[in-house]
Amino acid sequence: MASDFLFRLVFSLLWFVFLGIFAWCAHSINRAAGRRTTRYAKHLRAIALVFAGLYLAGSLLYALLPSSVSFLSIPLPDSIRLGMVGLGVVGTAFVLWGLVSLGKNWAPSLSGLRTDTVLITTGAYRLVRHPVYLGAFIFLAAQALLAANLLTLVPTVALLTLLYAQLPEEESMLIDRFGDEYREYMKRTPRFMPSLENEPKQTEKD
């Protein structure tokens, strides 16, 4: 079907842009700083890499050899899949905003906290504590429904679960690093859902 071909094309293009953003950030950051991480985070990272590999294999099969995985297709209306295109763009934009806000403080997910990290509370971090995660969650969920195939949906659910599971560990490291400054930031800034009632106050020191 022509519509399925277009959806596969958009699915591939969105992934190209999404990964390109992270590649640009990885190229831009200072690699000299070390990482603070834990054994728990290392285990999560290893498991996540396994599911990421499965996801990549499934995505390639869906994009390049759709007939081989058509029996795993999920019957979703084209209108829903089209809506997921827009949601994927929103997720990508939010990831980009978060990464730009972080600047050189960004480190790849599950790799640990950079030893020279400073607390960022501006930009996307005025709205939520984890804008990059939020954008990635939106993007991954949208892409899974856009593909409408179990071969991408199942690994996506696993990846989202693993990424979410490591958040408490990451926040614990941030508390160790910034102490009360981060505790106060947690009190006034939601983890994922932006508050529409109160404008976050600027507290970042120059």
C-alpha atoms as a PDB file:
ATOM      1  CA  MET A   1       0.000   0.000   0.000  1.00  0.00           C
ATOM      2  CA  ALA A   2       1.169   3.493  -0.830  1.00  0.00           C
ATOM      3  CA  SER A   3       0.204   4.804   2.603  1.00  0.00           C
ATOM      4  CA  ASP A   4       2.305   2.162   4.367  1.00  0.00           C
ATOM      5  CA  PHE A   5       5.298   3.058   2.207  1.00  0.00           C
ATOM      6  CA  LEU A   6       4.913   6.719   3.186  1.00  0.00           C
ATOM      7  CA  PHE A   7       4.648   5.808   6.856  1.00  0.00           C
ATOM      8  CA  ARG A   8       7.815   3.713   6.598  1.00  0.00           C
ATOM      9  CA  LEU A   9       9.580   6.588   4.872  1.00  0.00           C
ATOM     10  CA  VAL A  10       8.540   9.064   7.574  1.00  0.00           C
ATOM     11  CA  PHE A  11       9.472   6.539  10.286  1.00  0.00           C
ATOM     12  CA  SER A  12      12.976   6.301   8.813  1.00  0.00           C
ATOM     13  CA  LEU A  13      13.350  10.066   8.357  1.00  0.00           C
ATOM     14  CA  LEU A  14      12.293  10.776  11.932  1.00  0.00           C
ATOM     15  CA  TRP A  15      14.855   8.314  13.229  1.00  0.00           C
ATOM     16  CA  PHE A  16      17.520   9.864  11.032  1.00  0.00           C
ATOM     17  CA  VAL A  17      16.809  13.317  12.488  1.00  0.00           C
ATOM     18  CA  PHE A  18      16.495  12.019  16.061  1.00  0.00           C
ATOM     19  CA  LEU A  19      19.812  10.150  15.980  1.00  0.00           C
ATOM     20  CA  GLY A  20      21.443  13.036  14.132  1.00  0.00           C
ATOM     21  CA  ILE A  21      20.615  15.346  17.042  1.00  0.00           C
ATOM     22  CA  PHE A  22      22.316  13.035  19.525  1.00  0.00           C
ATOM     23  CA  ALA A  23      25.294  12.561  17.214  1.00  0.00           C
ATOM     24  CA  TRP A  24      25.679  16.331  17.001  1.00  0.00           C
ATOM     25  CA  CYS A  25      25.526  16.658  20.794  1.00  0.00           C
ATOM     26  CA  ALA A  26      28.011  13.821  21.322  1.00  0.00           C
ATOM     27  CA  HIS A  27      30.408  15.518  18.923  1.00  0.00           C
ATOM     28  CA  SER A  28      30.002  18.886  20.626  1.00  0.00           C
ATOM     29  CA  ILE A  29      30.490  17.982  24.301  1.00  0.00           C
ATOM     30  CA  ASN A  30      33.785  17.895  26.155  1.00  0.00           C
ATOM     31  CA  ARG A  31      34.777  14.246  26.464  1.00  0.00           C
ATOM     32  CA  ALA A  32      37.544  14.875  29.005  1.00  0.00           C
ATOM     33  CA  ALA A  33      35.267  14.823  32.045  1.00  0.00           C
ATOM     34  CA  GLY A  34      34.743  11.493  33.754  1.00  0.00           C
ATOM     35  CA  ARG A  35      31.488   9.895  34.835  1.00  0.00           C
ATOM     36  CA  ARG A  36      29.875   9.126  38.169  1.00  0.00           C
ATOM     37  CA  THR A  37      27.751   6.040  37.894  1.00  0.00           C
ATOM     38  CA  THR A  38      26.652   3.005  39.909  1.00  0.00           C
ATOM     39  CA  ARG A  39      26.593  -0.747  39.426  1.00  0.00           C
ATOM     40  CA  TYR A  40      22.795  -0.632  39.184  1.00  0.00           C
ATOM     41  CA  ALA A  41      22.990   1.906  36.349  1.00  0.00           C
ATOM     42  CA  LYS A  42      25.604  -0.209  34.581  1.00  0.00           C
ATOM     43  CA  HIS A  43      23.323  -3.248  34.713  1.00  0.00           C
ATOM     44  CA  LEU A  44      20.411  -1.222  33.340  1.00  0.00           C
ATOM     45  CA  ARG A  45      22.630   0.084  30.580  1.00  0.00           C
ATOM     46  CA  ALA A  46      23.657  -3.450  29.559  1.00  0.00           C
ATOM     47  CA  ILE A  47      20.042  -4.625  29.461  1.00  0.00           C
ATOM     48  CA  ALA A  48      18.955  -1.496  27.576  1.00  0.00           C
ATOM     49  CA  LEU A  49      21.639  -2.098  24.955  1.00  0.00           C
ATOM     50  CA  VAL A  50      20.223  -5.586  24.344  1.00  0.00           C
ATOM     51  CA  PHE A  51      16.712  -4.256  23.770  1.00  0.00           C
ATOM     52  CA  ALA A  52      18.077  -1.366  21.718  1.00  0.00           C
ATOM     53  CA  GLY A  53      19.739  -3.927  19.458  1.00  0.00           C
ATOM     54  CA  LEU A  54      16.482  -5.840  19.120  1.00  0.00           C
ATOM     55  CA  TYR A  55      14.667  -2.604  18.385  1.00  0.00           C
ATOM     56  CA  LEU A  56      17.204  -1.619  15.743  1.00  0.00           C
ATOM     57  CA  ALA A  57      16.923  -5.011  14.049  1.00  0.00           C
ATOM     58  CA  GLY A  58      13.133  -4.817  14.098  1.00  0.00           C
ATOM     59  CA  SER A  59      13.130  -1.260  12.778  1.00  0.00           C
ATOM     60  CA  LEU A  60      15.429  -2.156   9.901  1.00  0.00           C
ATOM     61  CA  LEU A  61      13.251  -5.110   8.959  1.00  0.00           C
ATOM     62  CA  TYR A  62      10.133  -2.941   9.112  1.00  0.00           C
ATOM     63  CA  ALA A  63      11.701  -0.161   7.036  1.00  0.00           C
ATOM     64  CA  LEU A  64      13.545  -2.268   4.461  1.00  0.00           C
ATOM     65  CA  LEU A  65      11.776  -5.646   4.337  1.00  0.00           C
ATOM     66  CA  PRO A  66       8.180  -4.950   5.409  1.00  0.00           C
ATOM     67  CA  SER A  67       6.788  -8.103   3.816  1.00  0.00           C
ATOM     68  CA  SER A  68       8.905 -10.241   6.153  1.00  0.00           C
ATOM     69  CA  VAL A  69       7.265  -8.750   9.262  1.00  0.00           C
ATOM     70  CA  SER A  70       3.794  -7.987   7.936  1.00  0.00           C
ATOM     71  CA  PHE A  71       2.315 -10.872   9.963  1.00  0.00           C
ATOM     72  CA  LEU A  72       3.193  -8.866  13.121  1.00  0.00           C
ATOM     73  CA  SER A  73       1.344  -5.755  11.948  1.00  0.00           C
ATOM     74  CA  ILE A  74      -1.107  -4.025  14.285  1.00  0.00           C
ATOM     75  CA  PRO A  75      -4.330  -2.830  12.597  1.00  0.00           C
ATOM     76  CA  LEU A  76      -4.282   0.908  13.323  1.00  0.00           C
ATOM     77  CA  PRO A  77      -6.213   3.479  11.281  1.00  0.00           C
ATOM     78  CA  ASP A  78      -4.118   5.743   9.076  1.00  0.00           C
ATOM     79  CA  SER A  79      -5.476   8.741  10.981  1.00  0.00           C
ATOM     80  CA  ILE A  80      -3.890   7.518  14.223  1.00  0.00           C
ATOM     81  CA  ARG A  81      -0.583   6.763  12.511  1.00  0.00           C
ATOM     82  CA  LEU A  82      -0.636  10.211  10.919  1.00  0.00           C
ATOM     83  CA  GLY A  83      -1.176  11.730  14.347  1.00  0.00           C
ATOM     84  CA  MET A  84       1.879   9.831  15.573  1.00  0.00           C
ATOM     85  CA  VAL A  85       3.953  11.613  12.929  1.00  0.00           C
ATOM     86  CA  GLY A  86       3.099  14.933  14.556  1.00  0.00           C
ATOM     87  CA  LEU A  87       3.739  13.519  18.019  1.00  0.00           C
ATOM     88  CA  GLY A  88       7.121  12.213  16.889  1.00  0.00           C
ATOM     89  CA  VAL A  89       8.053  15.693  15.678  1.00  0.00           C
ATOM     90  CA  VAL A  90       6.989  17.147  19.039  1.00  0.00           C
ATOM     91  CA  GLY A  91       9.095  14.582  20.912  1.00  0.00           C
ATOM     92  CA  THR A  92      12.115  15.298  18.723  1.00  0.00           C
ATOM     93  CA  ALA A  93      11.747  19.047  19.235  1.00  0.00           C
ATOM     94  CA  PHE A  94      11.531  18.612  23.003  1.00  0.00           C
ATOM     95  CA  VAL A  95      14.664  16.445  23.027  1.00  0.00           C
ATOM     96  CA  LEU A  96      16.521  19.082  21.017  1.00  0.00           C
ATOM     97  CA  TRP A  97      15.378  21.846  23.363  1.00  0.00           C
ATOM     98  CA  GLY A  98      16.498  19.846  26.386  1.00  0.00           C
ATOM     99  CA  LEU A  99      19.902  19.056  24.915  1.00  0.00           C
ATOM    100  CA  VAL A 100      20.487  22.670  23.894  1.00  0.00           C
ATOM    101  CA  SER A 101      19.528  23.731  27.419  1.00  0.00           C
ATOM    102  CA  LEU A 102      22.019  21.247  28.892  1.00  0.00           C
ATOM    103  CA  GLY A 103      24.881  22.200  26.595  1.00  0.00           C
ATOM    104  CA  LYS A 104      28.137  20.529  27.617  1.00  0.00           C
ATOM    105  CA  ASN A 105      26.478  19.008  30.701  1.00  0.00           C
ATOM    106  CA  TRP A 106      24.749  16.346  28.611  1.00  0.00           C
ATOM    107  CA  ALA A 107      25.884  12.741  28.899  1.00  0.00           C
ATOM    108  CA  PRO A 108      24.428   9.717  27.058  1.00  0.00           C
ATOM    109  CA  SER A 109      21.601   7.988  28.882  1.00  0.00           C
ATOM    110  CA  LEU A 110      22.704   5.432  31.483  1.00  0.00           C
ATOM    111  CA  SER A 111      26.366   6.433  31.151  1.00  0.00           C
ATOM    112  CA  GLY A 112      26.408   8.247  34.474  1.00  0.00           C
ATOM    113  CA  LEU A 113      26.683  11.825  35.690  1.00  0.00           C
ATOM    114  CA  ARG A 114      29.507  13.963  34.331  1.00  0.00           C
ATOM    115  CA  THR A 115      31.941  14.968  37.076  1.00  0.00           C
ATOM    116  CA  ASP A 116      31.920  18.600  35.898  1.00  0.00           C
ATOM    117  CA  THR A 117      28.116  18.829  35.730  1.00  0.00           C
ATOM    118  CA  VAL A 118      26.450  22.066  36.794  1.00  0.00           C
ATOM    119  CA  LEU A 119      22.770  22.303  37.674  1.00  0.00           C
ATOM    120  CA  ILE A 120      20.709  23.665  34.792  1.00  0.00           C
ATOM    121  CA  THR A 121      17.293  25.115  35.622  1.00  0.00           C
ATOM    122  CA  THR A 122      16.762  27.280  32.544  1.00  0.00           C
ATOM    123  CA  GLY A 123      15.326  26.565  29.110  1.00  0.00           C
ATOM    124  CA  ALA A 124      13.412  23.303  28.997  1.00  0.00           C
ATOM    125  CA  TYR A 125      14.515  22.623  32.571  1.00  0.00           C
ATOM    126  CA  ARG A 126      12.296  25.452  33.802  1.00  0.00           C
ATOM    127  CA  LEU A 127       9.287  23.321  32.832  1.00  0.00           C
ATOM    128  CA  VAL A 128      10.304  19.787  33.814  1.00  0.00           C
ATOM    129  CA  ARG A 129      13.283  18.089  35.446  1.00  0.00           C
ATOM    130  CA  HIS A 130      13.810  15.587  32.635  1.00  0.00           C
ATOM    131  CA  PRO A 131      12.884  17.166  29.277  1.00  0.00           C
ATOM    132  CA  VAL A 132      15.227  14.932  27.261  1.00  0.00           C
ATOM    133  CA  TYR A 133      13.668  11.811  28.764  1.00  0.00           C
ATOM    134  CA  LEU A 134      10.185  13.212  28.227  1.00  0.00           C
ATOM    135  CA  GLY A 135      10.912  13.972  24.590  1.00  0.00           C
ATOM    136  CA  ALA A 136      12.482  10.546  24.071  1.00  0.00           C
ATOM    137  CA  PHE A 137       9.493   8.813  25.673  1.00  0.00           C
ATOM    138  CA  ILE A 138       7.103  10.713  23.404  1.00  0.00           C
ATOM    139  CA  PHE A 139       9.236  10.006  20.336  1.00  0.00           C
ATOM    140  CA  LEU A 140       9.678   6.278  21.015  1.00  0.00           C
ATOM    141  CA  ALA A 141       5.988   5.741  21.755  1.00  0.00           C
ATOM    142  CA  ALA A 142       4.978   7.688  18.647  1.00  0.00           C
ATOM    143  CA  GLN A 143       7.387   5.755  16.446  1.00  0.00           C
ATOM    144  CA  ALA A 144       6.133   2.424  17.785  1.00  0.00           C
ATOM    145  CA  LEU A 145       2.534   3.323  16.932  1.00  0.00           C
ATOM    146  CA  LEU A 146       3.561   4.849  13.611  1.00  0.00           C
ATOM    147  CA  ALA A 147       5.190   1.554  12.626  1.00  0.00           C
ATOM    148  CA  ALA A 148       2.158  -0.339  13.962  1.00  0.00           C
ATOM    149  CA  ASN A 149       4.185  -3.526  14.261  1.00  0.00           C
ATOM    150  CA  LEU A 150       4.845  -5.753  17.275  1.00  0.00           C
ATOM    151  CA  LEU A 151       8.481  -6.082  16.217  1.00  0.00           C
ATOM    152  CA  THR A 152       9.033  -2.447  17.216  1.00  0.00           C
ATOM    153  CA  LEU A 153       6.317  -2.091  19.844  1.00  0.00           C
ATOM    154  CA  VAL A 154       7.550  -4.813  22.233  1.00  0.00           C
ATOM    155  CA  PRO A 155      11.197  -3.594  22.413  1.00  0.00           C
ATOM    156  CA  THR A 156       9.904  -0.034  22.750  1.00  0.00           C
ATOM    157  CA  VAL A 157       7.897  -0.930  25.859  1.00  0.00           C
ATOM    158  CA  ALA A 158      10.990  -2.610  27.327  1.00  0.00           C
ATOM    159  CA  LEU A 159      13.219   0.391  26.547  1.00  0.00           C
ATOM    160  CA  LEU A 160      10.755   2.872  28.027  1.00  0.00           C
ATOM    161  CA  THR A 161      10.496   0.775  31.175  1.00  0.00           C
ATOM    162  CA  LEU A 162      14.277   0.569  31.566  1.00  0.00           C
ATOM    163  CA  LEU A 163      14.786   4.290  30.962  1.00  0.00           C
ATOM    164  CA  TYR A 164      12.110   5.145  33.501  1.00  0.00           C
ATOM    165  CA  ALA A 165      13.583   2.698  36.028  1.00  0.00           C
ATOM    166  CA  GLN A 166      16.920   4.485  36.034  1.00  0.00           C
ATOM    167  CA  LEU A 167      15.486   7.927  36.831  1.00  0.00           C
ATOM    168  CA  PRO A 168      15.482   7.513  40.646  1.00  0.00           C
ATOM    169  CA  GLU A 169      19.137   6.465  40.490  1.00  0.00           C
ATOM    170  CA  GLU A 170      20.018   9.477  38.373  1.00  0.00           C
ATOM    171  CA  GLU A 171      18.156  11.836  40.683  1.00  0.00           C
ATOM    172  CA  SER A 172      19.923  10.292  43.673  1.00  0.00           C
ATOM    173  CA  MET A 173      23.281  11.089  42.034  1.00  0.00           C
ATOM    174  CA  LEU A 174      22.108  14.640  41.370  1.00  0.00           C
ATOM    175  CA  ILE A 175      21.134  15.027  45.021  1.00  0.00           C
ATOM    176  CA  ASP A 176      24.572  13.750  46.044  1.00  0.00           C
ATOM    177  CA  ARG A 177      26.156  16.251  43.669  1.00  0.00           C
ATOM    178  CA  PHE A 178      24.030  19.349  44.379  1.00  0.00           C
ATOM    179  CA  GLY A 179      22.403  18.618  47.762  1.00  0.00           C
ATOM    180  CA  ASP A 180      19.685  21.027  48.879  1.00  0.00           C
ATOM    181  CA  GLU A 181      19.921  22.984  45.634  1.00  0.00           C
ATOM    182  CA  TYR A 182      18.578  19.999  43.719  1.00  0.00           C
ATOM    183  CA  ARG A 183      16.047  19.130  46.443  1.00  0.00           C
ATOM    184  CA  GLU A 184      14.576  22.623  46.109  1.00  0.00           C
ATOM    185  CA  TYR A 185      14.558  22.252  42.341  1.00  0.00           C
ATOM    186  CA  MET A 186      12.626  18.975  42.721  1.00  0.00           C
ATOM    187  CA  LYS A 187      10.045  20.693  44.923  1.00  0.00           C
ATOM    188  CA  ARG A 188       9.241  23.446  42.456  1.00  0.00           C
ATOM    189  CA  THR A 189       9.692  21.577  39.153  1.00  0.00           C
ATOM    190  CA  PRO A 190       7.707  18.461  38.137  1.00  0.00           C
ATOM    191  CA  ARG A 191       9.485  15.425  36.761  1.00  0.00           C
ATOM    192  CA  PHE A 192       7.543  15.164  33.495  1.00  0.00           C
ATOM    193  CA  MET A 193       4.261  17.090  33.435  1.00  0.00           C
ATOM    194  CA  PRO A 194       4.733  20.888  33.183  1.00  0.00           C
ATOM    195  CA  SER A 195       2.733  22.848  35.743  1.00  0.00           C
ATOM    196  CA  LEU A 196       0.352  25.398  34.249  1.00  0.00           C
ATOM    197  CA  GLU A 197      -0.382  27.063  37.578  1.00  0.00           C
ATOM    198  CA  ASN A 198       2.918  28.584  38.597  1.00  0.00           C
ATOM    199  CA  GLU A 199       5.814  29.916  36.546  1.00  0.00           C
ATOM    200  CA  PRO A 200       9.043  28.248  37.742  1.00  0.00           C
ATOM    201  CA  LYS A 201      11.255  30.745  39.489  1.00  0.00           C
ATOM    202  CA  GLN A 202      14.761  31.416  38.246  1.00  0.00           C
ATOM    203  CA  THR A 203      17.271  30.324  40.888  1.00  0.00           C
ATOM    204  CA  GLU A 204      20.295  29.343  38.835  1.00  0.00           C
ATOM    205  CA  LYS A 205      23.386  31.239  39.914  1.00  0.00           C
ATOM    206  CA  ASP A 206      25.532  32.981  37.330  1.00  0.00           C
END
